[in-house]
């Protein structure tokens, strides 16, 4: 669990896409190297619609592609 990293795609009410990346204590998202904390960290990365589609294709989220991106495929 300390090295685990998870990425989740979100879409805002205004139609903007972003990836929320989260990870454990030894992941790349842990940002408090000097602090004595026992939890990981996170990062938000905005995406264009095309980048969100590519992310879905790379990660195998085909249901989301059918639901959200059928007009640009």
C-alpha atoms as a PDB file:
ATOM      1  CA  UNK A   1       0.000   0.000   0.000  1.00  0.00           C
ATOM      2  CA  UNK A   2       2.896   2.395   0.612  1.00  0.00           C
ATOM      3  CA  UNK A   3       3.935   2.360  -3.063  1.00  0.00           C
ATOM      4  CA  UNK A   4       0.447   2.128  -4.525  1.00  0.00           C
ATOM      5  CA  UNK A   5      -0.545   4.764  -7.071  1.00  0.00           C
ATOM      6  CA  UNK A   6      -4.032   5.345  -8.452  1.00  0.00           C
ATOM      7  CA  UNK A   7      -5.260   7.655 -11.201  1.00  0.00           C
ATOM      8  CA  UNK A   8      -8.923   8.596 -11.583  1.00  0.00           C
ATOM      9  CA  UNK A   9     -10.454  10.624 -14.405  1.00  0.00           C
ATOM     10  CA  UNK A  10     -13.061  13.226 -13.455  1.00  0.00           C
ATOM     11  CA  UNK A  11     -15.274  15.571 -15.448  1.00  0.00           C
ATOM     12  CA  UNK A  12     -16.487  18.829 -13.900  1.00  0.00           C
ATOM     13  CA  UNK A  13     -19.997  20.217 -14.255  1.00  0.00           C
ATOM     14  CA  UNK A  14     -18.606  22.634 -16.878  1.00  0.00           C
ATOM     15  CA  UNK A  15     -17.212  19.747 -18.939  1.00  0.00           C
ATOM     16  CA  UNK A  16     -13.544  20.074 -18.003  1.00  0.00           C
ATOM     17  CA  UNK A  17     -11.510  16.907 -17.469  1.00  0.00           C
ATOM     18  CA  UNK A  18      -8.791  16.234 -14.930  1.00  0.00           C
ATOM     19  CA  UNK A  19      -6.875  13.314 -13.467  1.00  0.00           C
ATOM     20  CA  UNK A  20      -6.610  12.939  -9.701  1.00  0.00           C
ATOM     21  CA  UNK A  21      -3.435  10.975  -8.981  1.00  0.00           C
ATOM     22  CA  UNK A  22      -2.993   9.600  -5.479  1.00  0.00           C
ATOM     23  CA  UNK A  23      -0.272   7.520  -3.931  1.00  0.00           C
ATOM     24  CA  UNK A  24       1.057   6.082  -0.714  1.00  0.00           C
ATOM     25  CA  UNK A  25       3.983   7.049   1.471  1.00  0.00           C
ATOM     26  CA  UNK A  26       6.630   5.776  -0.998  1.00  0.00           C
ATOM     27  CA  UNK A  27       4.877   6.837  -4.198  1.00  0.00           C
ATOM     28  CA  UNK A  28       5.849   9.686  -6.499  1.00  0.00           C
ATOM     29  CA  UNK A  29       2.934  11.742  -5.132  1.00  0.00           C
ATOM     30  CA  UNK A  30       4.205  11.889  -1.559  1.00  0.00           C
ATOM     31  CA  UNK A  31       5.367  15.481  -1.126  1.00  0.00           C
ATOM     32  CA  UNK A  32       6.307  15.882   2.558  1.00  0.00           C
ATOM     33  CA  UNK A  33       9.623  14.029   2.596  1.00  0.00           C
ATOM     34  CA  UNK A  34      10.872  15.942   5.673  1.00  0.00           C
ATOM     35  CA  UNK A  35       7.666  15.683   7.701  1.00  0.00           C
ATOM     36  CA  UNK A  36       6.819  12.767   9.930  1.00  0.00           C
ATOM     37  CA  UNK A  37       3.564  11.824   8.239  1.00  0.00           C
ATOM     38  CA  UNK A  38       2.190   8.374   7.500  1.00  0.00           C
ATOM     39  CA  UNK A  39      -0.011   9.148   4.536  1.00  0.00           C
ATOM     40  CA  UNK A  40       0.642   9.691   0.866  1.00  0.00           C
ATOM     41  CA  UNK A  41      -0.074  12.569  -1.420  1.00  0.00           C
ATOM     42  CA  UNK A  42      -2.023  13.584  -4.475  1.00  0.00           C
ATOM     43  CA  UNK A  43      -1.802  15.679  -7.624  1.00  0.00           C
ATOM     44  CA  UNK A  44      -4.423  17.117  -9.980  1.00  0.00           C
ATOM     45  CA  UNK A  45      -3.613  17.308 -13.689  1.00  0.00           C
ATOM     46  CA  UNK A  46      -6.018  19.121 -16.065  1.00  0.00           C
ATOM     47  CA  UNK A  47      -6.645  17.430 -19.430  1.00  0.00           C
ATOM     48  CA  UNK A  48      -8.121  18.430 -22.744  1.00  0.00           C
ATOM     49  CA  UNK A  49     -10.991  16.320 -24.052  1.00  0.00           C
ATOM     50  CA  UNK A  50      -8.606  14.605 -26.485  1.00  0.00           C
ATOM     51  CA  UNK A  51      -6.099  13.862 -23.695  1.00  0.00           C
ATOM     52  CA  UNK A  52      -8.902  12.408 -21.568  1.00  0.00           C
ATOM     53  CA  UNK A  53      -9.905  10.150 -24.471  1.00  0.00           C
ATOM     54  CA  UNK A  54      -6.292   8.990 -24.914  1.00  0.00           C
ATOM     55  CA  UNK A  55      -6.026   8.274 -21.177  1.00  0.00           C
ATOM     56  CA  UNK A  56      -9.197   6.155 -21.356  1.00  0.00           C
ATOM     57  CA  UNK A  57      -7.847   4.230 -24.348  1.00  0.00           C
ATOM     58  CA  UNK A  58      -4.501   3.602 -22.626  1.00  0.00           C
ATOM     59  CA  UNK A  59      -6.126   2.417 -19.396  1.00  0.00           C
ATOM     60  CA  UNK A  60      -8.920   0.348 -20.960  1.00  0.00           C
ATOM     61  CA  UNK A  61     -11.865   2.451 -19.782  1.00  0.00           C
ATOM     62  CA  UNK A  62     -13.990   1.506 -22.776  1.00  0.00           C
ATOM     63  CA  UNK A  63     -17.356   2.128 -21.082  1.00  0.00           C
ATOM     64  CA  UNK A  64     -16.340   5.747 -20.452  1.00  0.00           C
ATOM     65  CA  UNK A  65     -15.207   6.077 -24.069  1.00  0.00           C
ATOM     66  CA  UNK A  66     -18.600   4.858 -25.305  1.00  0.00           C
ATOM     67  CA  UNK A  67     -20.443   7.111 -22.872  1.00  0.00           C
ATOM     68  CA  UNK A  68     -18.403  10.323 -23.079  1.00  0.00           C
ATOM     69  CA  UNK A  69     -16.395  10.305 -26.304  1.00  0.00           C
ATOM     70  CA  UNK A  70     -18.491   8.644 -28.989  1.00  0.00           C
ATOM     71  CA  UNK A  71     -18.815  11.956 -30.860  1.00  0.00           C
ATOM     72  CA  UNK A  72     -15.053  12.393 -31.384  1.00  0.00           C
ATOM     73  CA  UNK A  73     -13.980   8.799 -32.136  1.00  0.00           C
END
